[in-house]
Structures are given as C-alpha cells and as structure tokens.
Amino acid sequence: MTELDWDYWIAKQYTYTWQAAALVLGVNPRQIKFPRRDSAGELHFDQENFEGLFSDFKQKLDLLIEHAWMQNFSAQNMRVDFKRFLFWAHNVVKWDMPQKLLSFAKEINLQDLDENAEERASLLLDERASLQLIWALRLMLKDHQFGKTDRELIYYLAKQYPDQHGFKRLALEMKFAEAQIAT
C-alpha cells in the first residue's frame, strides 16, 4: 500500500462509507479498486486490496452503515460526515485506528460540529440538486452516439477531457451512481 495522506483525508467533510471503514483500518482508499454494485445495490470489493484485512473491513463497513442514521453521522448518497463518524468510532464503539487518525478523533468537539449543522444541511441540499441535474443530463445523452450505456459515455467523457479531474473514469462512475440514487 502507498502511504496515506492523512492531512487530505482529515480535511474532507464527507467520505464514502467504504472509504471511512478503510481509513479506520489504515487502508488507503485510493488503493482500493472501485467497488462493483450488484442489481440489489450492494457493493462488492476486490479482496486483494485489503492485505488480509477484508473481513475486518467488511465488519466495520456493515456496522458503520447500520449506525450511520441512528448516530447522526450519515450524509446522503452513501457518505458520512467524516468528523462525526470519527467521533462515534473513537468515543462510542472505541475502534482501534492509526495514530494520526486517533489524534484527530480525540480533538473532535461534538458541540462545535452541531453549530455548523444547518450550514452543512444546506450544502447537502445544493449537492442533491446538482446530482439530480447530472442524472437529467445523463438521460438526455442516451441519444448521443457514445451515450447509449453509462460505460460508453464514461469512456467518451474521460477521453474528451483527460485533464479534468471530475472527468476521470472513477469520478464519473461514482457521480453517475450517486445521481441515479439521488433521483
């Protein structure tokens, strides 16, 4: 595994549930191949990416998903408020985690997070509107010669805009999946 850029991950407001579960184990989410989603919507991961920690990862991911709404750290579209999640992981379930993450989790003040909750809710509503727009545009592009399937369109867009981070294959796959769920 490559070295984790903890400053990057700690600065994120929201992470995907699977990224949060990986980080708690010290597994770099960037090294995990993008999960496949089956027809029931369940994520499937390549176990080789977890260096023997897949069963621990799966257990943490399942618990994280189960408790996200009840413990008030769920965001929409399969994401979590990363700071609230870390507060829960450290103070409630007392998970072991890498030292850099643990140091950050110990400093989280839940009261400070609550003061910004209304602002974050507004940002999530704005993002939901953006995702709905993405999906509406996706549906319009069904008639484009390279847009018959999501895979074709993603390949086309990634080739057309190779220097744009938002048009990388993995970013497009995730945004299309989020947009479909949001609608």
Protein backbone atom coordinates (compact mmCIF):
# COMPACT_ATOMS: atom_id res chain seq x y z
CA MET A 1 0.00 0.00 0.00
CA THR A 2 1.12 3.55 -0.63
CA GLU A 3 1.49 5.99 2.21
CA LEU A 4 -1.76 7.58 3.32
CA ASP A 5 -2.08 11.35 3.02
CA TRP A 6 -3.78 11.82 6.39
CA ASP A 7 -4.00 15.60 6.04
CA TYR A 8 -6.04 15.14 2.86
CA TRP A 9 -8.48 12.68 4.42
CA ILE A 10 -8.83 14.57 7.70
CA ALA A 11 -9.66 17.76 5.78
CA LYS A 12 -12.57 16.09 3.98
CA GLN A 13 -16.02 16.94 5.26
CA TYR A 14 -17.62 13.82 3.75
CA THR A 15 -16.27 10.44 2.73
CA TYR A 16 -17.96 7.40 1.28
CA THR A 17 -18.84 4.78 3.85
CA TRP A 18 -16.33 2.33 2.41
CA GLN A 19 -13.57 4.97 2.49
CA ALA A 20 -14.25 5.67 6.17
CA ALA A 21 -14.14 1.96 7.03
CA ALA A 22 -10.86 1.56 5.14
CA LEU A 23 -9.25 4.59 6.81
CA VAL A 24 -10.05 3.32 10.30
CA LEU A 25 -8.07 0.19 9.42
CA GLY A 26 -5.21 2.21 7.92
CA VAL A 27 -6.01 1.02 4.39
CA ASN A 28 -5.56 3.68 1.73
CA PRO A 29 -8.91 4.10 -0.08
CA ARG A 30 -7.05 5.21 -3.20
CA GLN A 31 -5.52 1.73 -3.44
CA ILE A 32 -8.90 0.00 -3.36
CA LYS A 33 -10.31 -0.81 -6.76
CA PHE A 34 -13.64 0.88 -7.26
CA PRO A 35 -16.37 -1.39 -5.83
CA ARG A 36 -18.87 -3.02 -8.16
CA ARG A 37 -22.55 -2.66 -7.40
CA ASP A 38 -24.90 -5.60 -7.99
CA SER A 39 -28.53 -5.29 -9.08
CA ALA A 40 -29.63 -5.06 -5.43
CA GLY A 41 -27.33 -2.08 -4.90
CA GLU A 42 -24.81 -3.91 -2.69
CA LEU A 43 -21.13 -3.05 -3.09
CA HIS A 44 -18.60 -5.77 -3.91
CA PHE A 45 -14.88 -5.24 -3.38
CA ASP A 46 -11.77 -6.95 -4.71
CA GLN A 47 -10.45 -8.60 -1.52
CA GLU A 48 -6.83 -8.45 -2.74
CA ASN A 49 -6.78 -4.70 -1.99
CA PHE A 50 -7.07 -5.18 1.77
CA GLU A 51 -3.85 -7.02 2.65
CA GLY A 52 -5.70 -9.67 4.67
CA LEU A 53 -7.96 -7.13 6.41
CA PHE A 54 -11.05 -7.70 4.27
CA SER A 55 -13.13 -9.41 6.98
CA ASP A 56 -12.31 -6.57 9.43
CA PHE A 57 -13.14 -4.03 6.73
CA LYS A 58 -16.46 -5.68 5.90
CA GLN A 59 -17.42 -5.89 9.59
CA LYS A 60 -16.62 -2.20 10.17
CA LEU A 61 -18.42 -1.18 7.00
CA ASP A 62 -21.54 -3.11 7.99
CA LEU A 63 -21.57 -1.56 11.48
CA LEU A 64 -20.89 1.89 10.09
CA ILE A 65 -23.81 1.64 7.65
CA GLU A 66 -26.11 0.20 10.32
CA HIS A 67 -25.40 3.00 12.81
CA ALA A 68 -24.97 5.98 10.46
CA TRP A 69 -28.53 7.31 10.73
CA MET A 70 -29.04 6.45 14.38
CA GLN A 71 -25.79 8.10 15.45
CA ASN A 72 -26.32 11.17 13.25
CA PHE A 73 -23.22 10.91 11.06
CA SER A 74 -24.90 9.84 7.85
CA ALA A 75 -24.82 12.12 4.85
CA GLN A 76 -26.68 11.35 1.66
CA ASN A 77 -25.54 9.17 -1.21
CA MET A 78 -23.65 6.55 0.80
CA ARG A 79 -21.44 9.07 2.55
CA VAL A 80 -20.76 10.02 6.13
CA ASP A 81 -19.84 13.22 7.88
CA PHE A 82 -16.25 12.17 8.48
CA LYS A 83 -15.70 14.09 11.72
CA ARG A 84 -18.96 12.84 13.27
CA PHE A 85 -18.11 9.32 12.15
CA LEU A 86 -14.66 9.54 13.77
CA PHE A 87 -16.21 10.86 16.98
CA TRP A 88 -18.54 7.83 17.02
CA ALA A 89 -15.77 5.37 16.06
CA HIS A 90 -13.47 6.64 18.81
CA ASN A 91 -15.85 7.57 21.65
CA VAL A 92 -18.78 5.18 21.22
CA VAL A 93 -17.51 1.93 19.69
CA LYS A 94 -13.87 2.58 20.66
CA TRP A 95 -12.34 1.21 17.47
CA ASP A 96 -8.58 0.99 17.18
CA MET A 97 -7.31 3.25 14.43
CA PRO A 98 -3.99 4.56 13.12
CA GLN A 99 -2.30 7.06 15.42
CA LYS A 100 -2.71 10.10 13.14
CA LEU A 101 -6.44 9.43 12.82
CA LEU A 102 -6.75 8.72 16.54
CA SER A 103 -5.09 12.03 17.43
CA PHE A 104 -7.54 13.85 15.19
CA ALA A 105 -10.55 11.92 16.56
CA LYS A 106 -9.60 12.82 20.14
CA GLU A 107 -9.74 16.54 19.30
CA ILE A 108 -13.24 16.49 17.77
CA ASN A 109 -15.73 18.58 19.72
CA LEU A 110 -19.29 17.48 19.01
CA GLN A 111 -20.73 20.81 20.15
CA ASP A 112 -18.68 22.67 17.53
CA LEU A 113 -19.96 20.28 14.88
CA ASP A 114 -23.58 20.89 15.90
CA GLU A 115 -23.17 24.65 15.50
CA ASN A 116 -22.41 24.15 11.79
CA ALA A 117 -25.13 21.55 11.15
CA GLU A 118 -27.60 23.94 9.48
CA GLU A 119 -24.97 25.20 7.04
CA ARG A 120 -23.97 21.63 6.13
CA ALA A 121 -27.62 20.64 5.59
CA SER A 122 -27.94 23.49 3.09
CA LEU A 123 -24.81 22.31 1.26
CA LEU A 124 -26.20 18.77 1.06
CA LEU A 125 -29.46 20.06 -0.45
CA ASP A 126 -27.46 22.01 -3.04
CA GLU A 127 -25.45 18.89 -3.86
CA ARG A 128 -28.62 16.81 -4.19
CA ALA A 129 -29.94 19.34 -6.72
CA SER A 130 -26.64 19.07 -8.63
CA LEU A 131 -26.88 15.28 -8.67
CA GLN A 132 -30.43 15.46 -9.99
CA LEU A 133 -29.20 17.75 -12.76
CA ILE A 134 -26.37 15.33 -13.60
CA TRP A 135 -28.87 12.48 -13.91
CA ALA A 136 -31.24 14.55 -16.05
CA LEU A 137 -28.34 15.38 -18.38
CA ARG A 138 -27.33 11.72 -18.41
CA LEU A 139 -30.82 10.74 -19.53
CA MET A 140 -30.72 13.37 -22.28
CA LEU A 141 -27.42 11.93 -23.55
CA LYS A 142 -28.94 8.48 -24.11
CA ASP A 143 -29.41 9.57 -27.76
CA HIS A 144 -25.74 10.61 -28.17
CA GLN A 145 -23.76 8.16 -30.29
CA PHE A 146 -21.40 7.45 -27.37
CA GLY A 147 -24.05 7.63 -24.66
CA LYS A 148 -26.14 4.50 -25.13
CA THR A 149 -24.71 2.99 -21.94
CA ASP A 150 -23.08 4.55 -18.89
CA ARG A 151 -19.86 2.71 -19.70
CA GLU A 152 -19.70 4.18 -23.23
CA LEU A 153 -20.43 7.69 -22.00
CA ILE A 154 -17.89 7.48 -19.19
CA TYR A 155 -15.22 6.25 -21.60
CA TYR A 156 -16.09 9.03 -24.08
CA LEU A 157 -16.04 11.81 -21.46
CA ALA A 158 -12.79 10.57 -19.90
CA LYS A 159 -11.14 10.62 -23.34
CA GLN A 160 -12.59 14.02 -24.28
CA TYR A 161 -11.50 15.72 -21.04
CA PRO A 162 -8.37 13.89 -19.84
CA ASP A 163 -7.04 16.89 -17.88
CA GLN A 164 -10.24 17.44 -15.90
CA HIS A 165 -10.21 15.64 -12.53
CA GLY A 166 -14.02 15.42 -12.45
CA PHE A 167 -13.98 13.53 -15.75
CA LYS A 168 -11.73 10.69 -14.62
CA ARG A 169 -13.37 7.28 -15.03
CA LEU A 170 -13.75 6.57 -11.31
CA ALA A 171 -15.11 10.05 -10.57
CA LEU A 172 -17.69 9.71 -13.33
CA GLU A 173 -18.73 6.23 -12.23
CA MET A 174 -19.27 7.44 -8.67
CA LYS A 175 -21.14 10.61 -9.71
CA PHE A 176 -23.43 8.66 -12.05
CA ALA A 177 -24.17 6.15 -9.28
CA GLU A 178 -24.84 8.97 -6.78
CA ALA A 179 -27.00 10.83 -9.28
CA GLN A 180 -29.07 7.76 -10.01
CA ILE A 181 -29.62 7.16 -6.29
CA ALA A 182 -30.47 10.84 -5.66
CA THR A 183 -33.26 10.70 -8.22
